[in-house]
Protein backbone atom coordinates (compact mmCIF):
# COMPACT_ATOMS: atom_id res chain seq x y z
CA MET A 1 -115.37 -63.29 -58.67
CA ASN A 2 -114.11 -61.96 -55.35
CA LEU A 3 -111.81 -58.98 -55.55
CA ASN A 4 -108.82 -58.68 -53.27
CA PRO A 5 -108.21 -55.35 -51.50
CA VAL A 6 -105.76 -54.00 -54.10
CA ALA A 7 -108.17 -54.80 -56.94
CA GLN A 8 -111.03 -53.17 -55.04
CA ARG A 9 -109.02 -50.03 -54.40
CA PHE A 10 -107.82 -49.82 -58.01
CA ILE A 11 -111.32 -50.27 -59.44
CA LEU A 12 -113.01 -47.90 -56.99
CA HIS A 13 -110.41 -45.21 -57.59
CA TRP A 14 -110.63 -45.61 -61.38
CA GLY A 15 -114.40 -45.14 -61.06
CA GLU A 16 -113.90 -41.96 -59.03
CA MET A 17 -111.39 -40.64 -61.57
CA GLY A 18 -113.73 -41.54 -64.41
CA SER A 19 -116.44 -39.31 -62.99
CA LYS A 20 -113.91 -36.45 -62.80
CA TRP A 21 -112.99 -37.07 -66.46
CA GLY A 22 -116.65 -36.88 -67.48
CA VAL A 23 -117.19 -40.64 -67.67
CA ASN A 24 -119.90 -42.50 -65.77
CA ARG A 25 -118.49 -44.15 -62.64
CA THR A 26 -119.72 -47.64 -63.58
CA VAL A 27 -118.27 -47.31 -67.08
CA ALA A 28 -114.87 -46.52 -65.59
CA GLN A 29 -115.14 -49.30 -63.00
CA ILE A 30 -115.99 -51.90 -65.63
CA HIS A 31 -113.04 -50.82 -67.73
CA ALA A 32 -110.78 -50.92 -64.67
CA LEU A 33 -112.03 -54.40 -63.80
CA LEU A 34 -111.38 -55.73 -67.31
CA TYR A 35 -107.95 -54.08 -67.38
CA PHE A 36 -107.04 -55.36 -63.92
CA VAL A 37 -108.07 -58.99 -64.44
CA GLY A 38 -106.60 -59.06 -67.95
CA LYS A 39 -109.03 -61.67 -69.24
CA PRO A 40 -112.45 -61.65 -70.92
CA MET A 41 -115.48 -61.53 -68.64
CA ALA A 42 -119.18 -62.10 -69.29
CA ALA A 43 -121.65 -59.35 -68.41
CA ASP A 44 -123.23 -61.40 -65.61
CA GLU A 45 -119.80 -61.97 -64.05
CA ILE A 46 -119.10 -58.23 -64.23
CA THR A 47 -122.49 -57.52 -62.65
CA GLU A 48 -121.83 -59.94 -59.80
CA THR A 49 -118.25 -58.81 -59.21
CA LEU A 50 -119.04 -55.09 -59.08
CA GLY A 51 -122.46 -55.44 -57.44
CA VAL A 52 -124.20 -53.13 -59.90
CA ALA A 53 -127.44 -53.51 -61.82
CA ARG A 54 -127.36 -55.66 -64.96
CA SER A 55 -128.95 -52.84 -66.99
CA ASN A 56 -126.21 -50.48 -65.82
CA VAL A 57 -123.56 -53.00 -66.88
CA SER A 58 -125.23 -53.47 -70.26
CA ASN A 59 -125.37 -49.72 -70.95
CA SER A 60 -121.81 -49.25 -69.70
CA LEU A 61 -120.50 -52.02 -71.95
CA LYS A 62 -122.17 -50.34 -74.94
CA GLU A 63 -120.51 -47.04 -74.05
CA LEU A 64 -117.10 -48.70 -73.69
CA GLN A 65 -117.59 -50.32 -77.10
CA ASN A 66 -118.50 -46.92 -78.57
CA TRP A 67 -115.23 -45.58 -77.16
CA ARG A 68 -113.42 -48.57 -78.75
CA LEU A 69 -112.02 -49.46 -75.32
CA ILE A 70 -113.48 -52.96 -75.12
CA GLN A 71 -114.15 -55.75 -77.58
CA VAL A 72 -116.61 -58.63 -77.65
CA VAL A 73 -114.83 -61.97 -77.33
CA HIS A 74 -116.35 -65.41 -77.84
CA ILE A 75 -115.16 -68.36 -75.82
CA MET A 76 -115.46 -71.92 -77.12
CA GLY A 77 -118.38 -73.74 -75.51
CA ASP A 78 -119.91 -70.56 -74.02
CA ARG A 79 -122.71 -68.84 -75.93
CA ARG A 80 -122.45 -65.63 -73.91
CA ASP A 81 -120.58 -62.57 -75.09
CA HIS A 82 -117.45 -61.87 -73.10
CA PHE A 83 -115.72 -58.51 -72.99
CA SER A 84 -112.06 -57.68 -72.88
CA THR A 85 -109.83 -54.65 -73.07
CA SER A 86 -106.24 -54.13 -74.01
CA THR A 87 -103.74 -54.59 -71.22
CA ASP A 88 -101.34 -52.28 -73.07
CA VAL A 89 -101.59 -48.95 -71.27
CA TRP A 90 -100.16 -47.10 -74.30
CA ALA A 91 -102.77 -48.58 -76.64
CA LEU A 92 -105.48 -47.53 -74.20
CA PHE A 93 -104.00 -44.04 -73.88
CA LYS A 94 -103.88 -43.62 -77.65
CA THR A 95 -107.47 -44.82 -78.02
CA VAL A 96 -108.74 -42.39 -75.38
CA VAL A 97 -106.80 -39.47 -76.86
CA GLN A 98 -108.02 -40.27 -80.38
CA GLU A 99 -111.63 -40.64 -79.26
CA ARG A 100 -111.58 -37.42 -77.23
CA LYS A 101 -109.96 -35.59 -80.14
CA GLU A 102 -112.69 -36.78 -82.52
CA ARG A 103 -115.51 -36.03 -80.06
CA GLU A 104 -114.32 -32.74 -78.57
CA PHE A 105 -111.44 -31.17 -80.42
CA ASP A 106 -112.38 -31.69 -84.06
CA PRO A 107 -115.92 -30.26 -83.68
CA THR A 108 -114.47 -27.16 -81.98
CA ILE A 109 -112.04 -26.63 -84.86
CA THR A 110 -114.93 -26.99 -87.31
CA VAL A 111 -117.02 -24.39 -85.47
CA LEU A 112 -114.10 -21.94 -85.32
CA GLN A 113 -113.50 -22.42 -89.06
CA GLU A 114 -117.21 -21.86 -89.74
CA CYS A 115 -117.17 -18.69 -87.63
CA LEU A 116 -114.24 -17.32 -89.63
CA ALA A 117 -115.89 -18.26 -92.93
CA SER A 118 -119.24 -16.75 -91.96
CA PRO A 119 -120.44 -13.76 -93.97
CA ASP A 120 -121.50 -12.31 -90.62
CA LEU A 121 -117.92 -12.23 -89.33
CA ASP A 122 -117.49 -8.59 -90.34
CA LYS A 123 -120.32 -7.68 -87.92
CA GLU A 124 -118.02 -8.67 -85.07
CA ASP A 125 -115.43 -6.45 -83.44
CA LYS A 126 -111.94 -6.74 -85.04
CA ASP A 127 -110.47 -7.85 -81.70
CA ALA A 128 -113.09 -10.60 -81.40
CA GLN A 129 -112.28 -11.75 -84.95
CA GLU A 130 -108.60 -11.91 -84.04
CA ARG A 131 -109.35 -13.92 -80.90
CA ILE A 132 -111.24 -16.46 -83.03
CA ARG A 133 -108.26 -16.66 -85.43
CA GLN A 134 -105.87 -17.14 -82.53
CA ALA A 135 -108.07 -19.80 -80.94
CA LEU A 136 -108.30 -21.64 -84.26
CA GLY A 137 -104.55 -21.42 -84.84
CA PHE A 138 -103.89 -22.76 -81.37
CA MET A 139 -106.43 -25.59 -81.71
CA GLU A 140 -105.10 -26.60 -85.14
CA ALA A 141 -101.49 -26.59 -83.94
CA LEU A 142 -102.39 -28.65 -80.88
CA SER A 143 -104.41 -31.05 -83.04
CA ASP A 144 -101.50 -31.50 -85.46
CA TRP A 145 -99.11 -32.06 -82.56
CA GLY A 146 -101.47 -34.62 -81.03
CA ASN A 147 -101.73 -36.49 -84.33
CA GLN A 148 -97.94 -36.62 -84.56
CA MET A 149 -97.62 -37.86 -80.97
CA LEU A 150 -100.19 -40.61 -81.61
CA LYS A 151 -97.99 -41.95 -84.41
CA LEU A 152 -94.94 -42.35 -82.15
CA GLU A 153 -93.99 -45.68 -80.66
CA PRO A 154 -94.53 -46.01 -76.89
CA GLY A 155 -90.81 -46.02 -76.13
CA MET A 156 -90.31 -42.75 -77.97
CA LEU A 157 -93.36 -41.20 -76.29
CA MET A 158 -91.97 -42.17 -72.90
CA LYS A 159 -88.60 -40.58 -73.70
CA LEU A 160 -90.35 -37.44 -74.87
CA MET A 161 -92.46 -37.26 -71.72
CA LYS A 162 -89.40 -37.75 -69.51
CA LEU A 163 -87.71 -34.83 -71.25
CA GLY A 164 -90.48 -32.54 -70.06
CA SER A 165 -89.46 -28.91 -70.00
CA LYS A 166 -85.85 -29.87 -70.76
CA ILE A 167 -86.92 -30.00 -74.39
CA LYS A 168 -86.63 -26.19 -74.44
CA ASP A 169 -82.85 -26.52 -74.02
CA LEU A 170 -82.73 -28.60 -77.20
CA LEU A 171 -84.99 -26.19 -79.06
CA VAL A 172 -82.71 -23.27 -78.19
CA LEU A 173 -79.91 -25.06 -80.04
CA ILE A 174 -82.12 -25.45 -83.13
CA LYS A 175 -82.52 -22.00 -84.60
């Protein structure tokens, strides 16, 4: 598949952003390609289109499956696995947030809870103990808020995001 200039720019940029988000460049480019074309593609077609090694594509597809960002699709008359992703940006956003929460946030909360429950906690300075409590309280509140946001419909999330800092004006009214 030949990519037009806009597709090339989109995919290359998504790959660059992926590396800044801690994701392998090829992983991000494959996801961008699948999102951009909006149809299932076989691994060999992805390899040819992006000009990357087949082994790199194979490993990247596994990682995207682990992130629940792509699915295997079978096409009648074709024995190869094809891969697709959602074209719903909100569904993708929710998946990424949920996955990052489970991989990064939840383990941090667990460690903070374990630190506070440790019999060795009293060996630590009182101020350090308080900082752990504050960090845990903050992380738990942010986690709860994130869970609530993930349950909202896309239209409501968009309205909430557009409110931005104006939400403080509403909160002042609610005492």
